[in-house]
N, C-alpha and C. Protein backbone atom coordinates (compact mmCIF):
# COMPACT_ATOMS: atom_id res chain seq x y z
N UNK A 1 126.25 -27.59 -152.96
CA UNK A 1 124.99 -28.20 -152.62
C UNK A 1 123.97 -27.89 -153.72
N UNK A 2 123.19 -28.87 -154.09
CA UNK A 2 122.19 -28.73 -155.14
C UNK A 2 120.93 -28.05 -154.60
N UNK A 3 120.43 -27.10 -155.37
CA UNK A 3 119.18 -26.44 -154.98
C UNK A 3 118.01 -27.38 -155.24
N UNK A 4 116.95 -27.29 -154.41
CA UNK A 4 115.78 -28.13 -154.65
C UNK A 4 115.16 -27.79 -156.00
N UNK A 5 114.66 -28.81 -156.68
CA UNK A 5 114.06 -28.58 -157.99
C UNK A 5 112.62 -28.08 -157.84
N UNK A 6 112.24 -27.20 -158.71
CA UNK A 6 110.86 -26.72 -158.73
C UNK A 6 109.99 -27.77 -159.41
N UNK A 7 108.75 -27.86 -158.97
CA UNK A 7 107.80 -28.84 -159.50
C UNK A 7 106.39 -28.31 -159.38
N UNK A 8 105.48 -28.96 -160.11
CA UNK A 8 104.07 -28.64 -160.02
C UNK A 8 103.43 -29.53 -158.96
N UNK A 9 102.63 -28.91 -158.08
CA UNK A 9 101.83 -29.68 -157.12
C UNK A 9 100.37 -29.29 -157.29
N UNK A 10 99.51 -30.28 -157.32
CA UNK A 10 98.07 -30.05 -157.30
C UNK A 10 97.62 -30.02 -155.85
N UNK A 11 96.85 -29.01 -155.47
CA UNK A 11 96.26 -28.92 -154.14
C UNK A 11 94.76 -28.75 -154.34
N UNK A 12 93.99 -29.73 -153.89
CA UNK A 12 92.55 -29.72 -154.11
C UNK A 12 91.82 -29.99 -152.79
N UNK A 13 90.77 -29.23 -152.55
CA UNK A 13 90.04 -29.31 -151.29
C UNK A 13 88.60 -29.77 -151.49
N UNK A 14 88.06 -30.40 -150.46
CA UNK A 14 86.63 -30.60 -150.29
C UNK A 14 86.29 -29.91 -148.99
N UNK A 15 85.55 -28.84 -149.08
CA UNK A 15 85.20 -28.06 -147.90
C UNK A 15 83.90 -28.60 -147.31
N UNK A 16 83.90 -28.94 -146.05
CA UNK A 16 82.70 -29.35 -145.34
C UNK A 16 82.05 -28.16 -144.65
N UNK A 17 82.81 -27.10 -144.53
CA UNK A 17 82.33 -25.85 -143.93
C UNK A 17 82.65 -24.72 -144.89
N UNK A 18 82.89 -23.55 -144.34
CA UNK A 18 83.21 -22.38 -145.14
C UNK A 18 84.61 -22.53 -145.75
N UNK A 19 84.74 -22.36 -147.07
CA UNK A 19 86.08 -22.41 -147.68
C UNK A 19 87.01 -21.37 -147.07
N UNK A 20 88.26 -21.72 -146.90
CA UNK A 20 89.26 -20.87 -146.25
C UNK A 20 90.07 -20.08 -147.27
N UNK A 21 89.41 -19.49 -148.23
CA UNK A 21 90.10 -18.82 -149.34
C UNK A 21 90.97 -17.66 -148.88
N UNK A 22 90.50 -16.86 -147.93
CA UNK A 22 91.29 -15.72 -147.46
C UNK A 22 92.56 -16.16 -146.77
N UNK A 23 92.53 -17.30 -146.09
CA UNK A 23 93.72 -17.81 -145.41
C UNK A 23 94.69 -18.46 -146.39
N UNK A 24 94.18 -19.05 -147.46
CA UNK A 24 95.03 -19.79 -148.38
C UNK A 24 95.80 -18.91 -149.35
N UNK A 25 95.24 -17.80 -149.76
CA UNK A 25 95.93 -16.96 -150.75
C UNK A 25 97.31 -16.51 -150.25
N UNK A 26 97.44 -15.96 -149.03
CA UNK A 26 98.78 -15.59 -148.57
C UNK A 26 99.70 -16.80 -148.40
N UNK A 27 99.12 -17.92 -147.99
CA UNK A 27 99.92 -19.14 -147.83
C UNK A 27 100.45 -19.60 -149.17
N UNK A 28 99.59 -19.67 -150.19
CA UNK A 28 100.03 -20.11 -151.50
C UNK A 28 101.00 -19.10 -152.13
N UNK A 29 100.94 -17.86 -151.73
CA UNK A 29 101.85 -16.85 -152.24
C UNK A 29 103.29 -17.07 -151.79
N UNK A 30 103.50 -17.98 -150.84
CA UNK A 30 104.87 -18.33 -150.44
C UNK A 30 105.50 -19.33 -151.41
N UNK A 31 104.70 -19.90 -152.31
CA UNK A 31 105.24 -20.76 -153.37
C UNK A 31 105.94 -19.86 -154.39
N UNK A 32 106.68 -20.45 -155.30
CA UNK A 32 107.32 -19.66 -156.35
C UNK A 32 106.25 -19.00 -157.23
N UNK A 33 105.14 -19.71 -157.44
CA UNK A 33 104.01 -19.19 -158.21
C UNK A 33 102.84 -20.13 -157.98
N UNK A 34 101.65 -19.69 -158.32
CA UNK A 34 100.46 -20.53 -158.20
C UNK A 34 99.38 -20.04 -159.14
N UNK A 35 98.46 -20.94 -159.45
CA UNK A 35 97.28 -20.59 -160.23
C UNK A 35 96.09 -21.34 -159.62
N UNK A 36 95.00 -20.64 -159.48
CA UNK A 36 93.75 -21.26 -159.01
C UNK A 36 92.91 -21.48 -160.27
N UNK A 37 92.72 -22.73 -160.64
CA UNK A 37 92.03 -23.01 -161.89
C UNK A 37 90.60 -23.51 -161.70
N UNK A 38 90.20 -23.74 -160.45
CA UNK A 38 88.83 -24.13 -160.13
C UNK A 38 88.53 -23.62 -158.73
N UNK A 39 87.27 -23.65 -158.34
CA UNK A 39 86.88 -23.08 -157.06
C UNK A 39 87.55 -23.76 -155.87
N UNK A 40 88.00 -24.99 -156.04
CA UNK A 40 88.58 -25.75 -154.93
C UNK A 40 89.96 -26.31 -155.25
N UNK A 41 90.58 -25.87 -156.37
CA UNK A 41 91.84 -26.48 -156.81
C UNK A 41 92.86 -25.45 -157.26
N UNK A 42 94.09 -25.66 -156.84
CA UNK A 42 95.23 -24.83 -157.19
C UNK A 42 96.33 -25.71 -157.76
N UNK A 43 97.18 -25.13 -158.59
CA UNK A 43 98.44 -25.75 -158.97
C UNK A 43 99.53 -24.81 -158.48
N UNK A 44 100.45 -25.36 -157.71
CA UNK A 44 101.58 -24.58 -157.19
C UNK A 44 102.82 -24.90 -158.00
N UNK A 45 103.68 -23.92 -158.19
CA UNK A 45 105.03 -24.09 -158.72
C UNK A 45 105.93 -23.85 -157.52
N UNK A 46 106.57 -24.91 -157.03
CA UNK A 46 107.22 -24.86 -155.73
C UNK A 46 108.43 -25.78 -155.66
N UNK A 47 109.33 -25.47 -154.75
CA UNK A 47 110.46 -26.37 -154.48
C UNK A 47 110.16 -27.27 -153.28
N UNK A 48 109.03 -27.05 -152.62
CA UNK A 48 108.64 -27.88 -151.47
C UNK A 48 107.76 -29.04 -151.92
N UNK A 49 107.85 -30.15 -151.19
CA UNK A 49 107.06 -31.33 -151.51
C UNK A 49 105.70 -31.33 -150.85
N UNK A 50 104.87 -32.32 -151.16
CA UNK A 50 103.54 -32.42 -150.59
C UNK A 50 103.53 -32.45 -149.06
N UNK A 51 104.49 -33.12 -148.46
CA UNK A 51 104.53 -33.21 -146.99
C UNK A 51 104.71 -31.84 -146.34
N UNK A 52 105.57 -31.01 -146.92
CA UNK A 52 105.77 -29.66 -146.39
C UNK A 52 104.51 -28.83 -146.54
N UNK A 53 103.87 -28.92 -147.71
CA UNK A 53 102.65 -28.14 -147.92
C UNK A 53 101.53 -28.59 -147.00
N UNK A 54 101.42 -29.88 -146.74
CA UNK A 54 100.39 -30.35 -145.81
C UNK A 54 100.58 -29.76 -144.43
N UNK A 55 101.82 -29.67 -143.97
CA UNK A 55 102.10 -29.06 -142.66
C UNK A 55 101.64 -27.60 -142.61
N UNK A 56 101.80 -26.88 -143.72
CA UNK A 56 101.38 -25.47 -143.78
C UNK A 56 99.86 -25.32 -143.91
N UNK A 57 99.25 -26.23 -144.63
CA UNK A 57 97.81 -26.14 -144.90
C UNK A 57 96.96 -26.66 -143.75
N UNK A 58 97.43 -27.69 -143.08
CA UNK A 58 96.63 -28.37 -142.04
C UNK A 58 96.03 -27.43 -141.00
N UNK A 59 96.75 -26.41 -140.50
CA UNK A 59 96.15 -25.52 -139.51
C UNK A 59 94.94 -24.74 -140.03
N UNK A 60 94.79 -24.67 -141.35
CA UNK A 60 93.68 -23.92 -141.95
C UNK A 60 92.48 -24.80 -142.29
N UNK A 61 92.59 -26.09 -142.02
CA UNK A 61 91.51 -27.02 -142.32
C UNK A 61 90.56 -27.16 -141.14
N UNK A 62 89.29 -27.26 -141.45
CA UNK A 62 88.30 -27.58 -140.44
C UNK A 62 88.34 -29.07 -140.14
N UNK A 63 87.65 -29.46 -139.11
CA UNK A 63 87.66 -30.85 -138.65
C UNK A 63 87.26 -31.84 -139.75
N UNK A 64 86.34 -31.46 -140.61
CA UNK A 64 85.83 -32.37 -141.64
C UNK A 64 86.26 -32.00 -143.06
N UNK A 65 87.14 -30.99 -143.20
CA UNK A 65 87.64 -30.61 -144.52
C UNK A 65 88.61 -31.67 -145.02
N UNK A 66 88.70 -31.80 -146.33
CA UNK A 66 89.60 -32.76 -146.96
C UNK A 66 90.54 -32.04 -147.91
N UNK A 67 91.74 -32.58 -148.09
CA UNK A 67 92.71 -32.01 -149.02
C UNK A 67 93.49 -33.13 -149.69
N UNK A 68 93.80 -32.92 -150.96
CA UNK A 68 94.67 -33.81 -151.72
C UNK A 68 95.81 -32.96 -152.24
N UNK A 69 97.04 -33.41 -151.99
CA UNK A 69 98.23 -32.72 -152.49
C UNK A 69 99.07 -33.77 -153.22
N UNK A 70 99.34 -33.53 -154.50
CA UNK A 70 100.14 -34.49 -155.24
C UNK A 70 100.95 -33.79 -156.33
N UNK A 71 102.08 -34.39 -156.66
CA UNK A 71 102.92 -33.85 -157.72
C UNK A 71 102.29 -34.14 -159.07
N UNK A 72 102.38 -33.17 -159.98
CA UNK A 72 101.85 -33.31 -161.33
C UNK A 72 102.99 -33.36 -162.33
N UNK A 73 102.91 -34.27 -163.28
CA UNK A 73 103.86 -34.30 -164.38
C UNK A 73 103.26 -33.52 -165.53
N UNK A 74 103.64 -32.27 -165.66
CA UNK A 74 103.17 -31.41 -166.74
C UNK A 74 104.34 -31.11 -167.67
N UNK A 75 105.18 -32.11 -167.87
CA UNK A 75 106.42 -31.90 -168.61
C UNK A 75 106.23 -31.84 -170.12
N UNK A 76 105.20 -32.46 -170.64
CA UNK A 76 105.08 -32.53 -172.09
C UNK A 76 103.63 -32.77 -172.49
N UNK A 77 103.09 -31.87 -173.27
CA UNK A 77 101.72 -32.02 -173.77
C UNK A 77 101.77 -32.60 -175.17
N UNK A 78 100.92 -33.50 -175.58
CA UNK A 78 99.79 -34.07 -174.86
C UNK A 78 100.11 -35.38 -174.14
N UNK A 79 101.36 -35.79 -174.09
CA UNK A 79 101.68 -37.08 -173.49
C UNK A 79 101.40 -37.14 -171.99
N UNK A 80 101.63 -36.04 -171.26
CA UNK A 80 101.43 -36.09 -169.81
C UNK A 80 100.24 -35.28 -169.33
N UNK A 81 99.64 -34.47 -170.20
CA UNK A 81 98.42 -33.75 -169.82
C UNK A 81 97.67 -33.27 -171.06
N UNK A 82 96.38 -33.15 -170.90
CA UNK A 82 95.52 -32.67 -171.98
C UNK A 82 94.19 -32.27 -171.36
N UNK A 83 93.45 -31.41 -172.01
CA UNK A 83 92.12 -31.05 -171.50
C UNK A 83 91.64 -29.74 -172.09
N UNK A 84 90.53 -29.28 -171.56
CA UNK A 84 89.95 -28.00 -171.95
C UNK A 84 89.94 -27.12 -170.73
N UNK A 85 90.51 -25.94 -170.86
CA UNK A 85 90.51 -24.99 -169.77
C UNK A 85 90.82 -23.61 -170.35
N UNK A 86 90.79 -22.62 -169.50
CA UNK A 86 91.07 -21.25 -169.93
C UNK A 86 92.51 -21.15 -170.44
N UNK A 87 92.73 -20.32 -171.44
CA UNK A 87 94.07 -20.13 -172.01
C UNK A 87 95.05 -19.69 -170.92
N UNK A 88 94.57 -18.95 -169.93
CA UNK A 88 95.41 -18.51 -168.82
C UNK A 88 96.11 -19.69 -168.15
N UNK A 89 95.41 -20.79 -167.96
CA UNK A 89 96.01 -21.97 -167.32
C UNK A 89 97.11 -22.56 -168.18
N UNK A 90 96.84 -22.74 -169.47
CA UNK A 90 97.86 -23.32 -170.36
C UNK A 90 99.09 -22.41 -170.46
N UNK A 91 98.87 -21.12 -170.53
CA UNK A 91 99.99 -20.18 -170.57
C UNK A 91 100.81 -20.24 -169.29
N UNK A 92 100.14 -20.36 -168.15
CA UNK A 92 100.82 -20.44 -166.86
C UNK A 92 101.68 -21.70 -166.79
N UNK A 93 101.13 -22.83 -167.23
CA UNK A 93 101.89 -24.08 -167.21
C UNK A 93 103.12 -23.96 -168.11
N UNK A 94 102.94 -23.47 -169.32
CA UNK A 94 104.07 -23.35 -170.26
C UNK A 94 105.15 -22.43 -169.73
N UNK A 95 104.76 -21.40 -168.98
CA UNK A 95 105.73 -20.47 -168.40
C UNK A 95 106.73 -21.19 -167.49
N UNK A 96 106.28 -22.26 -166.84
CA UNK A 96 107.11 -22.96 -165.86
C UNK A 96 107.72 -24.28 -166.37
N UNK A 97 107.44 -24.63 -167.59
CA UNK A 97 107.98 -25.91 -168.11
C UNK A 97 109.45 -25.77 -168.44
C-alpha cells in the first residue's frame, strides 16, 4: 500500500472574535511540520488534505470566524512561488521540497 504523500497546505484565518492561537498550536503540531509566517496564516507540511484539516479546525472556530485551507505548489522557485519574507520561511520551505 502506498503511503500518503506529504504536501504544503496554506491555512489562513479571519478572526471576528479573539484569535484561537492557543488552541491551534497543539492542533497544528499534529502535522509533520508547520510554520506561522503571518499573524493569521500558517503553512503546514502534512499528509492530510484540506477536508481533514477543516474537520479538525472547525471546532475551534467562532460563529463568524473564517478559514481558507488550500494546497500550495511550492515545488520550484521562482516558477511556482516568489516574494519577500523572512529567511526562516524560505529555509523552512526548502527543507521540505
